[in-house]
Amino acid sequence: MLVKLFIPKLGMTMEKATIAEWRYKDGDTVEKDSTVLVIDTEKVANDIEAPVSGKLVINAAVGDELPCGAIIGYIAETREEYEIAKGGAGAYVSGLQASVAPATEDQKSDQHVAAVEPVLALATVERIKISPLARSVAKQNDIDYAGISGSGPGGRIVKHDIEVAMTRQAAQKPAVMTACPGSRGCGSTSDAAGKPVASIAVASAGDSTSQHEGKRIREVRALKGMRKAISEHMHHSHSISAPISVMFEVDMTEMVKFRNRLLEKWQTEGVRLTYTDIFIMIVAKALKKAPLMNSSLINNEIIIWDDINIGIGASVMLPDGESGLVVPVIRNADKLSLGEISAARKDLTDKARNGTLSMDEMTGGTFTITNTASLSPFWHIQTPIIHQPQAAILGTASIVDRPVVKDGEIVVRPIMPMYLTFDHRIVDGGPTAVFNSLVHGMMSDPDLIFI
């Protein structure tokens, strides 16, 4: 029988994935449980394994972005099934009729029906093989792909083929110069219909440096993989929420002493307690007393979560030298000891840096903390973007000696700026003030953590 390969739903919030890599070629024999392909989802790569042994049929190209449940290929357990699958709809129907025609109703068993059902989807295969992403790009740019020869697996049309067709179409249309305001032309072009045509021009004869709109281009990087996922998530968050940011400072004198005492006590046990570990415990306790901050707006309903799952923003380096961001989650943080929180945080951040986080370890968060102290050692503030569909995100920064007024005198104290961004659709100033007061109190006097 033919067994489907599809985009699995690996987490509560996962909606789509991108084909990152096929480990085998179309027609190769794969073994059960071997990694067939890799998909990119929500800033993390996931391996998809073969459920059975057989010949691989590829129906999706690298770079295709597809929704959960989309069929991306098959594994044929016999050569005949592979040939039927590769032959398209007509060959499939003929093969299917040949395989079922001799049988009578009495001869059909549940086992036979089960063997035929998984391949019924092949009867609806389009005669023109084109990836969903390529079809979308073609539609947006009025490209007729009927006559395009695909460069993807099995002659499938992929995004690159559409882009080549767009370039050819633009070259065939007469371009006219569009003058900029003033006496000089800006060098931009448009087609005969007046539609702008993007172009990269060589700076001058003998100069290989590319230009765009008079600016020299050093490098062009595709928006893909983790960077694309981050881009889409950040834009989505701002487009659907009403973010408000509140900023305040905390005198960390007592907190520094508190952490140093714990470091000394736990030194023999090999525990390296960080400020982030303490902040996670403080936030978990504050959320217990300000539960509306531990909520989400889903389908026009405010859902206040009973679980307190704290996401921690972690910066990672990508293979191309760029930086990325992931948010692993410490589940039920309110029920963990400080030592357990520290161990969980270390395990997750190590996995983040090694690229081994699972989807389950990055979903299910109810509140997020981002600590940028290690990235910027000087005093700074930011306005963090809410990790949807959560109600808020708390940012902490570097502890820096600053002059402050204490008891009418100017003194130097270790000061840390903090900033809370919350969704004004869900909460107003009252609940956020309660939450901030609780956090500020425990930061200033760590003894309050254990009350």
Protein backbone atom coordinates (compact mmCIF):
# COMPACT_ATOMS: atom_id res chain seq x y z
CA MET A 1 0.00 0.00 0.00
CA LEU A 2 0.96 3.66 -0.34
CA VAL A 3 1.51 5.40 2.99
CA LYS A 4 1.08 9.16 3.21
CA LEU A 5 3.78 11.55 4.38
CA PHE A 6 2.19 14.74 5.67
CA ILE A 7 2.96 17.87 7.69
CA PRO A 8 2.29 16.85 11.32
CA LYS A 9 0.84 19.22 13.90
CA LEU A 10 3.66 19.25 16.45
CA GLY A 11 2.32 21.87 18.83
CA MET A 12 -0.84 23.65 19.92
CA THR A 13 -0.08 26.83 17.98
CA MET A 14 1.54 25.24 14.92
CA GLU A 15 -0.33 25.98 11.69
CA LYS A 16 2.23 25.43 8.92
CA ALA A 17 5.76 24.33 8.14
CA THR A 18 8.40 24.75 5.44
CA ILE A 19 10.18 21.88 3.69
CA ALA A 20 13.82 22.44 4.66
CA GLU A 21 15.52 19.32 3.32
CA TRP A 22 14.79 15.93 1.74
CA ARG A 23 17.30 13.35 2.99
CA TYR A 24 16.53 11.02 0.07
CA LYS A 25 15.77 11.48 -3.63
CA ASP A 26 12.50 10.61 -5.32
CA GLY A 27 12.53 6.87 -6.00
CA ASP A 28 15.08 6.03 -3.32
CA THR A 29 14.39 3.13 -1.00
CA VAL A 30 13.96 4.22 2.61
CA GLU A 31 13.91 2.11 5.74
CA LYS A 32 11.27 2.34 8.44
CA ASP A 33 12.09 4.95 11.14
CA SER A 34 14.83 6.57 9.02
CA THR A 35 14.71 10.38 8.71
CA VAL A 36 13.15 11.14 5.34
CA LEU A 37 13.01 14.94 5.50
CA VAL A 38 13.39 17.98 7.73
CA ILE A 39 10.74 20.67 8.17
CA ASP A 40 11.11 24.14 9.68
CA THR A 41 8.41 25.07 12.18
CA GLU A 42 8.17 27.99 14.59
CA LYS A 43 11.92 28.59 14.68
CA VAL A 44 12.92 24.95 15.12
CA ALA A 45 13.80 22.11 12.73
CA ASN A 46 11.99 18.78 13.04
CA ASP A 47 12.85 15.39 11.53
CA ILE A 48 10.10 13.41 9.81
CA GLU A 49 10.67 9.65 9.89
CA ALA A 50 9.44 6.97 7.52
CA PRO A 51 6.48 5.05 9.02
CA VAL A 52 7.22 2.04 6.78
CA SER A 53 9.94 0.82 4.41
CA GLY A 54 9.55 1.36 0.68
CA LYS A 55 10.19 3.67 -2.28
CA LEU A 56 9.89 7.42 -1.69
CA VAL A 57 7.48 9.52 -3.77
CA ILE A 58 8.13 13.27 -3.33
CA ASN A 59 5.23 15.69 -3.87
CA ALA A 60 6.64 18.85 -2.24
CA ALA A 61 9.84 20.74 -2.98
CA VAL A 62 12.37 22.31 -0.64
CA GLY A 63 11.11 25.79 0.26
CA ASP A 64 7.42 24.93 -0.02
CA GLU A 65 5.40 26.30 2.91
CA LEU A 66 2.41 24.09 3.66
CA PRO A 67 -0.34 23.84 6.32
CA CYS A 68 -0.55 21.07 8.89
CA GLY A 69 -2.05 17.94 7.36
CA ALA A 70 -0.85 18.69 3.82
CA ILE A 71 0.36 15.58 1.99
CA ILE A 72 4.00 16.03 0.94
CA GLY A 73 4.77 12.57 -0.36
CA TYR A 74 4.18 8.85 -0.13
CA ILE A 75 6.10 5.68 0.56
CA ALA A 76 5.27 2.89 -1.87
CA GLU A 77 5.82 -0.60 -0.50
CA THR A 78 5.91 -2.16 -4.00
CA ARG A 79 7.37 -1.16 -7.35
CA GLU A 80 3.91 -1.27 -8.92
CA GLU A 81 2.52 1.22 -6.40
CA TYR A 82 5.46 3.53 -7.04
CA GLU A 83 4.89 3.45 -10.81
CA ILE A 84 1.18 4.15 -10.31
CA ALA A 85 1.98 7.09 -8.03
CA LYS A 86 4.52 8.58 -10.46
CA GLY A 87 2.22 8.07 -13.45
CA GLY A 88 -0.23 10.74 -12.33
CA ALA A 89 -4.00 10.61 -12.05
CA GLY A 90 -4.66 8.70 -15.29
CA ALA A 91 -2.16 5.95 -14.60
CA TYR A 92 -3.34 5.74 -11.04
CA VAL A 93 -6.99 5.29 -11.97
CA SER A 94 -6.10 2.60 -14.52
CA GLY A 95 -3.96 0.80 -12.00
CA LEU A 96 -6.61 1.10 -9.32
CA GLN A 97 -9.32 -0.25 -11.63
CA ALA A 98 -7.07 -3.16 -12.63
CA SER A 99 -6.44 -3.98 -9.00
CA VAL A 100 -10.08 -3.92 -7.89
CA ALA A 101 -12.11 -4.91 -10.99
CA PRO A 102 -11.75 -8.71 -10.71
CA ALA A 103 -12.98 -8.70 -7.13
CA THR A 104 -16.62 -9.23 -6.25
CA GLU A 105 -18.45 -7.66 -3.34
CA ASP A 106 -18.16 -10.91 -1.40
CA GLN A 107 -14.42 -11.03 -1.99
CA LYS A 108 -13.77 -7.52 -0.65
CA SER A 109 -12.51 -7.61 2.90
CA ASP A 110 -11.92 -4.83 5.37
CA GLN A 111 -8.20 -5.44 4.92
CA HIS A 112 -8.41 -4.90 1.15
CA VAL A 113 -10.40 -1.68 1.55
CA ALA A 114 -7.86 -0.44 4.09
CA ALA A 115 -5.04 -1.14 1.62
CA VAL A 116 -6.72 0.83 -1.19
CA GLU A 117 -7.98 3.84 0.81
CA PRO A 118 -4.63 5.55 1.58
CA VAL A 119 -3.90 6.13 -2.11
CA LEU A 120 -7.30 7.56 -3.14
CA ALA A 121 -5.88 11.06 -2.78
CA LEU A 122 -3.72 10.41 -5.85
CA ALA A 123 -6.83 10.36 -8.06
CA THR A 124 -7.15 14.09 -7.53
CA VAL A 125 -3.54 14.95 -8.42
CA GLU A 126 -3.45 17.96 -10.76
CA ARG A 127 -2.25 17.33 -14.29
CA ILE A 128 -0.02 20.37 -13.86
CA LYS A 129 2.33 19.66 -10.98
CA ILE A 130 2.95 22.87 -9.05
CA SER A 131 3.75 23.56 -5.41
CA PRO A 132 1.25 25.59 -3.33
CA LEU A 133 3.82 28.35 -2.82
CA ALA A 134 4.59 28.55 -6.55
CA ARG A 135 0.86 28.67 -7.35
CA SER A 136 0.38 31.53 -4.87
CA VAL A 137 3.30 33.55 -6.31
CA ALA A 138 2.02 32.95 -9.86
CA LYS A 139 -1.45 34.14 -8.93
CA GLN A 140 -0.14 37.29 -7.22
CA ASN A 141 1.93 38.22 -10.28
CA ASP A 142 -0.51 37.18 -13.03
CA ILE A 143 1.75 34.43 -14.34
CA ASP A 144 0.22 31.69 -16.50
CA TYR A 145 2.10 28.56 -15.39
CA ALA A 146 0.42 26.16 -17.81
CA GLY A 147 3.37 26.17 -20.20
CA ILE A 148 6.18 26.33 -17.63
CA SER A 149 8.56 23.38 -17.35
CA GLY A 150 9.09 22.60 -13.68
CA SER A 151 12.55 22.09 -12.22
CA GLY A 152 11.29 20.38 -9.07
CA PRO A 153 10.98 16.64 -8.38
CA GLY A 154 9.09 14.86 -11.17
CA GLY A 155 8.90 18.05 -13.24
CA ARG A 156 7.01 19.91 -10.52
CA ILE A 157 6.82 23.69 -10.85
CA VAL A 158 8.42 25.40 -7.84
CA LYS A 159 8.75 29.02 -6.75
CA HIS A 160 12.06 29.48 -8.62
CA ASP A 161 10.39 28.55 -11.91
CA ILE A 162 7.72 31.23 -11.39
CA GLU A 163 10.38 33.83 -10.54
CA VAL A 164 12.24 33.00 -13.77
CA ALA A 165 8.98 33.38 -15.69
CA MET A 166 8.38 36.76 -14.02
CA THR A 167 11.85 37.94 -15.06
CA ARG A 168 11.26 36.89 -18.67
CA GLN A 169 7.85 38.50 -18.74
CA ALA A 170 9.24 41.77 -17.39
CA ALA A 171 12.06 41.73 -19.98
CA GLN A 172 9.58 41.32 -22.83
CA LYS A 173 7.60 44.42 -21.85
CA PRO A 174 8.90 47.85 -22.90
CA ALA A 175 10.16 49.79 -19.92
CA VAL A 176 9.75 53.53 -19.56
CA MET A 177 11.65 55.84 -17.26
CA THR A 178 9.64 57.37 -14.43
CA ALA A 179 10.95 60.78 -13.48
CA CYS A 180 11.44 61.69 -9.84
CA PRO A 181 10.27 65.06 -8.54
CA GLY A 182 12.80 67.65 -9.57
CA SER A 183 15.03 67.97 -12.59
CA ARG A 184 16.79 64.57 -12.38
CA GLY A 185 15.39 61.13 -13.09
CA CYS A 186 15.57 58.61 -10.27
CA GLY A 187 16.32 55.66 -12.52
CA SER A 188 13.30 53.55 -11.54
CA THR A 189 11.37 51.81 -14.29
CA SER A 190 7.83 50.73 -14.99
CA ASP A 191 6.26 48.49 -17.62
CA ALA A 192 3.95 49.59 -20.41
CA ALA A 193 0.97 49.41 -18.06
CA GLY A 194 2.68 51.70 -15.57
CA LYS A 195 3.32 48.95 -13.05
CA PRO A 196 6.69 49.40 -11.22
CA VAL A 197 9.37 46.87 -12.10
CA ALA A 198 11.99 46.16 -9.44
CA SER A 199 15.51 46.08 -10.81
CA ILE A 200 19.10 45.79 -9.64
CA ALA A 201 21.44 47.78 -11.86
CA VAL A 202 25.23 47.66 -12.21
CA ALA A 203 26.75 50.81 -10.75
CA SER A 204 28.83 51.68 -13.79
CA ALA A 205 30.81 50.11 -16.60
CA GLY A 206 33.50 47.87 -15.19
CA ASP A 207 32.05 48.07 -11.68
CA SER A 208 30.52 44.80 -10.49
CA THR A 209 28.88 46.35 -7.43
CA SER A 210 25.08 46.16 -7.69
CA GLN A 211 22.85 49.09 -6.89
CA HIS A 212 19.21 49.69 -6.12
CA GLU A 213 17.68 53.17 -6.17
CA GLY A 214 21.17 54.68 -6.14
CA LYS A 215 22.38 52.72 -3.12
CA ARG A 216 25.18 50.18 -3.38
CA ILE A 217 24.28 46.65 -2.29
CA ARG A 218 26.72 44.70 -0.17
CA GLU A 219 24.70 41.49 0.13
CA VAL A 220 21.19 40.12 -0.44
CA ARG A 221 19.83 37.52 1.99
CA ALA A 222 16.60 35.60 1.56
CA LEU A 223 14.03 35.91 4.35
CA LYS A 224 13.61 32.24 5.21
CA GLY A 225 13.84 29.62 7.93
CA MET A 226 13.99 30.90 11.50
CA ARG A 227 14.32 34.54 10.43
CA LYS A 228 11.13 34.26 8.38
CA ALA A 229 9.30 32.60 11.29
CA ILE A 230 10.41 35.38 13.64
CA SER A 231 9.38 38.03 11.13
CA GLU A 232 5.92 36.57 10.68
CA HIS A 233 5.37 36.04 14.40
CA MET A 234 6.43 39.57 15.37
CA HIS A 235 4.34 41.18 12.64
CA HIS A 236 1.34 39.03 13.56
CA SER A 237 1.63 39.99 17.24
CA HIS A 238 1.63 43.72 16.53
CA SER A 239 -1.14 43.46 13.94
CA ILE A 240 -3.67 41.76 16.25
CA SER A 241 -2.91 43.23 19.69
CA ALA A 242 -3.00 46.61 21.42
CA PRO A 243 0.46 46.66 23.06
CA ILE A 244 1.29 49.08 25.88
CA SER A 245 4.73 49.20 27.54
CA VAL A 246 5.42 50.23 31.14
CA MET A 247 8.99 50.83 32.32
CA PHE A 248 10.45 51.09 35.84
CA GLU A 249 13.71 50.60 37.75
CA VAL A 250 14.60 48.32 40.65
CA ASP A 251 17.30 48.80 43.27
CA MET A 252 18.99 45.38 43.15
CA THR A 253 21.19 45.81 46.24
CA GLU A 254 19.46 43.10 48.25
CA MET A 255 18.97 40.86 45.20
CA VAL A 256 22.71 40.86 44.46
CA LYS A 257 23.42 39.87 48.08
CA PHE A 258 20.72 37.18 47.94
CA ARG A 259 22.13 35.56 44.79
CA ASN A 260 25.71 35.71 46.09
CA ARG A 261 24.65 33.89 49.28
CA LEU A 262 22.95 31.15 47.27
CA LEU A 263 25.93 30.81 44.93
CA GLU A 264 28.20 30.27 47.92
CA LYS A 265 25.87 27.67 49.46
CA TRP A 266 25.31 25.76 46.23
CA GLN A 267 28.91 25.91 45.01
CA THR A 268 29.68 22.36 46.14
CA GLU A 269 26.60 21.05 44.30
CA GLY A 270 27.69 22.55 40.99
CA VAL A 271 24.59 24.75 40.63
CA ARG A 272 25.20 28.01 38.77
CA LEU A 273 22.21 30.09 39.78
CA THR A 274 21.41 32.97 37.41
CA TYR A 275 19.30 36.06 37.94
CA THR A 276 16.91 34.72 35.31
CA ASP A 277 16.23 31.67 37.51
CA ILE A 278 15.22 33.95 40.38
CA PHE A 279 13.13 36.15 38.07
CA ILE A 280 11.21 33.08 36.85
CA MET A 281 10.29 32.17 40.42
CA ILE A 282 9.29 35.77 41.22
CA VAL A 283 7.09 36.07 38.12
CA ALA A 284 5.44 32.70 38.80
CA LYS A 285 4.52 33.84 42.32
CA ALA A 286 3.28 37.23 41.07
CA LEU A 287 1.07 35.55 38.46
CA LYS A 288 -0.59 33.49 41.20
CA LYS A 289 -1.73 36.74 42.82
CA ALA A 290 -2.44 38.59 39.54
CA PRO A 291 -4.04 35.78 37.46
CA LEU A 292 -5.36 38.02 34.67
CA MET A 293 -1.74 38.56 33.59
CA ASN A 294 -1.56 34.80 32.99
CA SER A 295 -4.20 34.75 30.27
CA SER A 296 -4.85 34.74 26.52
CA LEU A 297 -7.47 36.19 24.19
CA ILE A 298 -8.69 33.33 21.99
CA ASN A 299 -11.85 33.46 19.83
CA ASN A 300 -13.12 36.60 21.61
CA GLU A 301 -12.79 34.95 25.02
CA ILE A 302 -10.28 35.81 27.73
CA ILE A 303 -8.93 32.50 29.00
CA ILE A 304 -7.19 32.69 32.38
CA TRP A 305 -4.78 29.77 32.61
CA ASP A 306 -4.51 27.59 35.69
CA ASP A 307 -1.07 26.39 34.61
CA ILE A 308 1.79 28.87 34.93
CA ASN A 309 4.21 28.05 32.10
CA ILE A 310 7.01 30.60 31.78
CA GLY A 311 8.66 31.09 28.38
CA ILE A 312 12.24 32.39 28.38
CA GLY A 313 13.58 34.25 25.36
CA ALA A 314 16.88 32.74 24.20
CA SER A 315 19.15 34.18 21.53
CA VAL A 316 20.80 31.60 19.26
CA MET A 317 23.33 31.76 16.44
CA LEU A 318 22.28 30.39 13.07
CA PRO A 319 24.57 28.49 10.67
CA ASP A 320 24.80 31.51 8.35
CA GLY A 321 26.18 33.68 11.16
CA GLU A 322 22.90 35.49 11.81
CA SER A 323 21.21 35.51 15.21
CA GLY A 324 17.82 34.03 15.94
CA LEU A 325 15.37 33.88 18.83
CA VAL A 326 13.54 30.95 20.41
CA VAL A 327 11.28 30.78 23.46
CA PRO A 328 11.54 27.48 25.36
CA VAL A 329 8.97 26.96 28.12
CA ILE A 330 9.36 25.94 31.77
CA ARG A 331 6.06 24.27 32.62
CA ASN A 332 4.35 24.64 36.02
CA ALA A 333 7.06 27.01 37.20
CA ASP A 334 4.98 27.91 40.27
CA LYS A 335 5.33 24.33 41.53
CA LEU A 336 9.11 24.10 41.15
CA SER A 337 11.84 24.91 43.63
CA LEU A 338 14.52 27.44 42.73
CA GLY A 339 16.97 24.59 42.12
CA GLU A 340 14.50 22.80 39.83
CA ILE A 341 13.86 26.01 37.89
CA SER A 342 17.61 26.53 37.47
CA ALA A 343 18.11 22.97 36.18
CA ALA A 344 15.17 23.24 33.76
CA ARG A 345 16.34 26.61 32.46
CA LYS A 346 19.88 25.34 31.86
CA ASP A 347 18.63 22.23 30.05
CA LEU A 348 16.38 24.26 27.74
CA THR A 349 18.95 26.96 26.96
CA ASP A 350 21.59 24.31 26.18
CA LYS A 351 19.16 22.66 23.78
CA ALA A 352 18.37 26.04 22.21
CA ARG A 353 22.05 26.71 21.50
CA ASN A 354 22.52 23.18 20.13
CA GLY A 355 19.40 23.37 17.98
CA THR A 356 17.80 20.32 19.64
CA LEU A 357 14.66 21.87 21.14
CA SER A 358 11.47 19.95 20.40
CA MET A 359 8.19 21.61 19.45
CA ASP A 360 6.66 20.58 22.79
CA GLU A 361 9.46 22.43 24.60
CA MET A 362 8.57 25.63 22.73
CA THR A 363 4.78 25.65 23.06
CA GLY A 364 2.24 25.96 25.83
CA GLY A 365 3.68 29.11 27.43
CA THR A 366 1.35 31.43 29.35
CA PHE A 367 3.80 34.29 30.09
CA THR A 368 7.26 35.19 28.76
CA ILE A 369 10.41 36.70 30.27
CA THR A 370 13.22 38.12 28.14
CA ASN A 371 16.52 39.06 29.78
CA THR A 372 18.87 41.08 27.56
CA ALA A 373 21.59 41.63 30.16
CA SER A 374 24.08 39.32 28.46
CA LEU A 375 23.57 41.07 25.12
CA SER A 376 24.00 44.67 26.32
CA PRO A 377 26.05 45.21 29.49
CA PHE A 378 25.20 48.92 29.66
CA TRP A 379 21.97 50.48 30.99
CA HIS A 380 19.19 50.12 28.44
CA ILE A 381 15.45 49.69 28.03
CA GLN A 382 13.41 47.99 25.31
CA THR A 383 9.77 47.42 24.34
CA PRO A 384 9.47 43.64 23.94
CA ILE A 385 6.83 42.23 21.61
CA ILE A 386 4.15 40.02 23.13
CA HIS A 387 4.50 36.30 22.41
CA GLN A 388 1.03 35.53 21.07
CA PRO A 389 -1.47 34.56 22.30
CA GLN A 390 -0.17 35.56 25.75
CA ALA A 391 -1.35 38.69 27.55
CA ALA A 392 2.07 40.11 28.46
CA ILE A 393 5.85 39.83 28.39
CA LEU A 394 8.35 41.07 30.99
CA GLY A 395 11.78 42.36 30.00
CA THR A 396 14.81 42.70 32.28
CA ALA A 397 18.18 44.26 31.46
CA SER A 398 21.67 44.80 32.87
CA ILE A 399 22.35 45.71 36.48
CA VAL A 400 24.35 48.97 36.35
CA ASP A 401 25.65 51.24 39.11
CA ARG A 402 23.67 54.51 38.93
CA PRO A 403 23.13 57.54 41.16
CA VAL A 404 19.81 57.45 43.00
CA VAL A 405 18.23 59.38 45.87
CA LYS A 406 17.96 57.45 49.15
CA ASP A 407 16.80 59.12 52.37
CA GLY A 408 17.35 62.54 50.82
CA GLU A 409 20.91 61.79 49.72
CA ILE A 410 22.43 60.87 46.36
CA VAL A 411 24.01 57.43 46.53
CA VAL A 412 25.25 54.88 43.99
CA ARG A 413 23.24 51.66 43.82
CA PRO A 414 23.03 48.67 41.43
CA ILE A 415 19.97 49.52 39.36
CA MET A 416 18.16 47.30 36.87
CA PRO A 417 15.57 48.63 34.39
CA MET A 418 12.49 46.50 33.76
CA TYR A 419 9.75 46.82 31.17
CA LEU A 420 6.39 45.14 30.81
CA THR A 421 4.48 45.04 27.52
CA PHE A 422 0.84 44.00 27.90
CA ASP A 423 -2.15 43.61 25.59
CA HIS A 424 -4.61 46.40 26.40
CA ARG A 425 -7.41 44.32 24.88
CA ILE A 426 -7.06 41.92 27.82
CA VAL A 427 -5.83 43.96 30.78
CA ASP A 428 -5.90 47.58 31.90
CA GLY A 429 -3.66 49.56 34.21
CA GLY A 430 -5.06 48.07 37.43
CA PRO A 431 -3.98 44.42 37.06
CA THR A 432 -0.63 45.45 35.55
CA ALA A 433 0.03 47.81 38.47
CA VAL A 434 -0.66 44.97 40.92
CA PHE A 435 1.65 42.65 39.00
CA ASN A 436 4.44 45.24 38.71
CA SER A 437 4.16 46.06 42.41
CA LEU A 438 4.50 42.39 43.34
CA VAL A 439 7.49 41.89 41.06
CA HIS A 440 9.16 45.11 42.18
CA GLY A 441 8.66 44.21 45.84
CA MET A 442 10.24 40.76 45.54
CA MET A 443 13.09 42.10 43.39
CA SER A 444 13.86 44.78 45.99
CA ASP A 445 13.47 42.44 48.98
CA PRO A 446 14.02 38.75 48.02
CA ASP A 447 12.83 37.61 51.47
CA LEU A 448 9.29 38.35 50.19
CA ILE A 449 9.67 35.51 47.68
CA PHE A 450 9.20 32.96 50.43
CA ILE A 451 6.16 34.55 52.11
